[in-house]
Amino acid sequence: MPRPTVNRKPFGAHGPTDVDVLTLDSGTGVRAEILTYGGILHRLTVPDTTGDPASVVRSLPSLDDYTGKNPFFGALVGRYANRIAHGRFTLDGTEYQVPATDRGHALHGGPDGFHTRVWEAAADATDEAATVRLTLHSPDGDMGFPGALDVTVTYTLDTAGTLALDYEATTDRATVVNLTNHAYFDLAGEGDILGHTLQVDAERYLPVDEDGIPEAPAAPVRGTPFDLTAPRTLAERLALPHEQLRRAGGFDHCWVLNGPDTPAGPRRAARLAAPGAGRVMEVWTTEPGIQVYTANQLDGTLATADGGRHDRHSAVCLETQHLPDSPNRPDHPGTVLRPDETFRSRTEFRFPHLRDLPG
């Protein structure tokens, strides 16, 4: 069996800093391309059931496109993924203000969040997997957050074709942390996910107000378009009349996963299947929630690498994370990290259809 490999080559420059792309190759047909800029998952090439390869994540043509205005394509997001109401929170009696850039609220760590940084990268390959270890130092006061934070995110692609992301962080002062990856998935590679089926292993979700901030405690999904406890076609769900779908223009909500807030190991969070199940992806995570976003705001202004456009509902994001606005919600699982602690999180993207490929 071919051995996993890692290849590194230039991708461009961000100001005075060179940016590289690292290609992890499983040796069994799956390849992941990761940029040092933003820790971006630029491509994830996966064969379908006939062996035909295609990237299952939407991407932008060049580094300039990634450094320009775009909705977090493929990026590592932090220091706090999702929203913090009004960009304010109180920690140990001190109120902090972070940039409020989304309808008056903080989103994804601020305009100069981790998605805009050039990460240090070290790569390795063994007989079992190829890895790239990304590290970043976020100084005290970065985007208004307290404490100096040291972050490591490791992408691992194994011979089974599973791509895992392991997150670790330590701080010298109490802070809040919520990290995720913002890949836009399209398992058919055709720029339309309405025919995909999605299952989310959650009995509850967070309804939001007009600004995307949770407006109430988690609500049951039963009897709503948010009931994805069995596989449902996204087109059918999004067409249902519901005030929450109107507010967001589709799904842009966090589901509260079944089971403990901090499981001992990854549990399944979601299962996405292309039409005809040519490709199937399962998301496994140690996080308590998953934000499902059906690319409601994409409008065709951004180009794809092959000359197409990124249109509305051309992809779906499956962002494993803690719950939005948790620093202001004592009933949510905690996101405070203290100097004597290490933040750890793991998410896996598994492709069970690969088991059925010949050879």
Foldseek 3Di string as FASTA:
>chain_A
DDFKDKDKDWQQADVPRTKIWIWTDQRQFWIWIAILQQRFRAFIWHAFLAGRIDTFFFHAAGPVLQLDDDDQARGKFDQAAAWAALQWFDDPRDIWHFDADFPNIDHRHHPCTSNGDRWDWDWDTDRFKTKIKTWDWQDACRRGWGWIKIKIWMWIATNLGKTKIKIKMATAFKTFGKIWTWTFGHRVNPQAQQQKWKAFQAQWWFQADLRRHRPDPTDGCPPALSHRNDIDRQNVSLPDDDPSCVSQVGFFIKGFHPDDQADPFWDWGMWMAHVVRRWIKIKTKRHRIWTKDQQRPQCFPGATNVGGGNHGSSGITTIGIFHHNQSVPVVGPGRMHGNVDMDIMMMMIGIVSSVSHDD
